[in-house]
Structure formats: structure tokens, C-alpha cells
N, C-alpha and C. Protein backbone atom coordinates (compact mmCIF):
# COMPACT_ATOMS: atom_id res chain seq x y z
N MET A 1 9.67 -72.91 -23.62
CA MET A 1 10.17 -72.42 -25.50
C MET A 1 11.48 -71.52 -25.67
N GLU A 2 12.63 -72.13 -25.66
CA GLU A 2 13.57 -70.80 -25.85
C GLU A 2 13.71 -70.85 -27.39
N LYS A 3 13.89 -69.18 -27.70
CA LYS A 3 13.83 -69.43 -29.34
C LYS A 3 15.03 -69.27 -29.81
N ALA A 4 14.87 -69.45 -31.72
CA ALA A 4 16.37 -69.71 -31.59
C ALA A 4 16.59 -69.09 -33.40
N VAL A 5 17.99 -68.94 -33.21
CA VAL A 5 18.07 -67.91 -34.70
C VAL A 5 17.42 -68.74 -35.72
N PHE A 6 16.38 -68.42 -36.81
CA PHE A 6 16.54 -68.71 -38.34
C PHE A 6 16.37 -68.29 -39.21
N TYR A 7 16.32 -69.11 -40.48
CA TYR A 7 16.27 -68.58 -41.77
C TYR A 7 14.39 -68.97 -42.27
N TYR A 8 14.76 -67.71 -42.66
CA TYR A 8 13.13 -67.50 -43.77
C TYR A 8 13.01 -67.57 -45.20
N LEU A 9 12.60 -69.17 -45.21
CA LEU A 9 12.52 -68.54 -47.02
C LEU A 9 11.54 -68.46 -47.58
N TYR A 10 11.73 -67.49 -48.50
CA TYR A 10 10.07 -67.14 -49.22
C TYR A 10 10.23 -67.15 -50.11
N LYS A 11 9.49 -66.25 -51.46
CA LYS A 11 8.85 -65.73 -52.67
C LYS A 11 8.77 -64.33 -52.75
N ASP A 12 9.38 -63.55 -53.20
CA ASP A 12 9.52 -62.29 -53.37
C ASP A 12 8.51 -61.43 -54.68
N VAL A 13 7.55 -60.66 -54.60
CA VAL A 13 6.74 -60.17 -55.53
C VAL A 13 7.06 -60.51 -56.73
N ASN A 14 8.76 -60.18 -57.32
CA ASN A 14 8.67 -61.29 -58.71
C ASN A 14 8.94 -62.46 -58.69
N ASN A 15 7.96 -63.03 -57.68
CA ASN A 15 8.67 -64.69 -58.20
C ASN A 15 9.67 -65.43 -57.98
N HIS A 16 11.09 -64.63 -57.21
CA HIS A 16 12.47 -65.20 -57.11
C HIS A 16 12.50 -65.99 -55.30
N TRP A 17 13.25 -66.35 -55.33
CA TRP A 17 13.35 -67.28 -53.67
C TRP A 17 14.25 -66.00 -52.79
N ARG A 18 14.14 -66.19 -51.98
CA ARG A 18 15.09 -65.34 -51.06
C ARG A 18 14.88 -65.47 -49.76
N TRP A 19 15.84 -65.44 -48.63
CA TRP A 19 16.14 -65.40 -47.25
C TRP A 19 16.03 -64.60 -46.24
N THR A 20 16.22 -65.09 -45.65
CA THR A 20 16.59 -63.66 -44.39
C THR A 20 16.69 -64.47 -43.24
N LEU A 21 17.54 -64.37 -42.19
CA LEU A 21 18.09 -64.46 -41.54
C LEU A 21 17.45 -63.63 -40.02
N TYR A 22 16.94 -64.52 -38.91
CA TYR A 22 16.52 -63.75 -38.14
C TYR A 22 16.65 -64.36 -36.74
N ALA A 23 17.73 -63.46 -35.50
CA ALA A 23 18.37 -63.26 -34.62
C ALA A 23 16.93 -64.57 -33.64
N ALA A 24 17.13 -64.67 -32.49
CA ALA A 24 16.69 -65.09 -31.56
C ALA A 24 15.53 -63.85 -30.71
N ASN A 25 15.34 -62.79 -31.10
CA ASN A 25 14.57 -61.94 -30.54
C ASN A 25 13.65 -61.15 -31.96
N ASN A 26 13.85 -62.24 -32.84
CA ASN A 26 12.48 -62.11 -34.22
C ASN A 26 13.45 -60.85 -34.65
N ARG A 27 14.63 -60.02 -34.75
CA ARG A 27 15.28 -59.36 -35.56
C ARG A 27 15.95 -59.72 -36.95
N LYS A 28 15.85 -59.02 -37.62
CA LYS A 28 16.54 -59.07 -38.81
C LYS A 28 17.62 -59.19 -39.03
N ILE A 29 19.22 -60.25 -39.20
CA ILE A 29 20.19 -59.59 -39.03
C ILE A 29 20.82 -59.96 -40.13
N ALA A 30 20.37 -60.34 -41.07
CA ALA A 30 20.98 -60.16 -42.47
C ALA A 30 20.26 -61.20 -43.55
N ASN A 31 20.30 -61.04 -44.78
CA ASN A 31 19.27 -61.53 -45.44
C ASN A 31 20.19 -62.24 -46.98
N SER A 32 19.79 -62.20 -48.22
CA SER A 32 19.66 -62.90 -49.19
C SER A 32 20.99 -61.98 -50.20
N GLY A 33 20.45 -60.57 -50.57
CA GLY A 33 20.51 -59.59 -51.33
C GLY A 33 20.44 -59.36 -52.30
N GLU A 34 19.67 -61.15 -52.83
CA GLU A 34 19.26 -60.79 -54.27
C GLU A 34 18.19 -61.86 -54.34
N GLY A 35 17.59 -62.18 -55.30
CA GLY A 35 16.26 -63.13 -55.56
C GLY A 35 17.03 -64.72 -56.41
N TYR A 36 16.63 -65.62 -56.26
CA TYR A 36 17.11 -66.61 -56.67
C TYR A 36 15.98 -67.04 -58.08
N HIS A 37 16.26 -67.86 -58.85
CA HIS A 37 14.83 -68.11 -59.72
C HIS A 37 14.95 -69.75 -59.30
N ASN A 38 15.46 -70.34 -58.92
CA ASN A 38 15.45 -71.65 -58.27
C ASN A 38 15.39 -72.11 -56.48
N ARG A 39 14.23 -72.50 -56.08
CA ARG A 39 14.69 -72.28 -54.46
C ARG A 39 16.01 -73.35 -54.43
N SER A 40 16.79 -74.35 -54.91
CA SER A 40 17.73 -75.21 -54.60
C SER A 40 18.67 -73.63 -54.67
N ASP A 41 18.58 -73.25 -55.69
CA ASP A 41 20.02 -71.79 -55.53
C ASP A 41 19.60 -70.90 -53.80
N ALA A 42 18.71 -70.96 -53.58
CA ALA A 42 18.68 -70.29 -51.85
C ALA A 42 18.84 -70.61 -51.01
N ILE A 43 18.85 -72.10 -51.41
CA ILE A 43 18.80 -72.94 -50.13
C ILE A 43 20.63 -72.73 -50.32
N SER A 44 21.25 -73.20 -51.58
CA SER A 44 22.52 -73.19 -51.23
C SER A 44 23.68 -72.28 -50.68
N ALA A 45 22.73 -70.88 -51.12
CA ALA A 45 23.19 -69.60 -50.24
C ALA A 45 23.64 -69.87 -48.82
N ILE A 46 21.76 -70.32 -48.32
CA ILE A 46 21.86 -70.45 -46.97
C ILE A 46 22.83 -71.09 -46.06
N GLU A 47 23.17 -72.40 -47.07
CA GLU A 47 24.69 -73.18 -46.60
C GLU A 47 25.56 -72.93 -46.83
N LEU A 48 26.00 -71.63 -47.54
CA LEU A 48 27.55 -71.19 -47.93
C LEU A 48 27.86 -70.24 -46.51
N VAL A 49 26.37 -69.45 -46.18
CA VAL A 49 26.18 -68.45 -45.20
C VAL A 49 26.50 -68.97 -43.97
N LYS A 50 26.38 -70.99 -43.46
CA LYS A 50 26.10 -71.17 -43.02
C LYS A 50 27.95 -71.97 -42.43
N LEU A 51 28.21 -71.79 -43.25
CA LEU A 51 29.68 -72.43 -43.38
C LEU A 51 30.69 -71.11 -43.25
N SER A 52 30.38 -70.06 -43.03
CA SER A 52 30.97 -68.90 -43.25
C SER A 52 31.22 -68.85 -41.72
N SER A 53 31.12 -69.19 -40.73
CA SER A 53 31.09 -69.24 -39.53
C SER A 53 33.02 -68.79 -39.24
N SER A 54 33.82 -69.42 -40.08
CA SER A 54 34.96 -69.80 -39.69
C SER A 54 35.94 -68.29 -40.34
N ALA A 55 35.23 -67.82 -41.63
CA ALA A 55 36.21 -66.22 -42.33
C ALA A 55 36.24 -65.63 -41.45
N PRO A 56 37.53 -65.19 -41.80
CA PRO A 56 38.15 -64.25 -40.78
C PRO A 56 37.31 -62.45 -40.73
N VAL A 57 37.56 -61.79 -39.54
CA VAL A 57 36.79 -60.23 -40.04
C VAL A 57 38.22 -59.40 -40.56
N LYS A 58 37.76 -59.10 -41.58
CA LYS A 58 39.02 -57.84 -42.41
C LYS A 58 37.90 -56.47 -41.85
N GLN A 59 39.18 -55.85 -41.16
CA GLN A 59 38.67 -54.35 -41.13
C GLN A 59 39.18 -52.64 -41.71
N ALA A 60 39.16 -52.31 -42.46
CA ALA A 60 39.26 -51.26 -43.81
C ALA A 60 39.79 -50.42 -42.68
N THR A 61 41.20 -49.97 -43.22
CA THR A 61 42.15 -49.27 -42.67
C THR A 61 41.50 -47.90 -43.50
N SER A 62 42.19 -46.76 -42.09
CA SER A 62 41.62 -45.63 -42.59
C SER A 62 43.07 -44.97 -43.87
N ALA A 63 42.93 -43.98 -44.61
CA ALA A 63 43.64 -43.52 -45.16
C ALA A 63 44.10 -42.51 -45.17
């Protein structure tokens, strides 16, 4: 069975919803960065990340 990238949705110790994105090798590669009071808000944040695949990568310029 081939492993795939997945989002893990859970409640933290403060009873807020959070998510973590895992790579196929089970390493954490991103997280919600904040807790959400509503599960639906956490799901919406996941959907935003999914939609960002075409976002440009901008690199900082040296000063």
C-alpha cells in the first residue's frame, strides 16, 4: 500500500481545533499555526492551503 500526504485534524489541550500536514514518510511538514474554536474553521484553513498550490514563491532579497 502506497503512503500518501495527509492532514491530521485534532483538538489541542485548550480544546481548539488544529491540523498538521504530514508527508508520505510521516514527517510533519506544516501545521495550522493557530487553534480554531470551530471545526469548520479548521477545515476551511486546510482548504485554503490546498488551494495555494499555484501561489508564487517569493524570495527575500539581500540588503
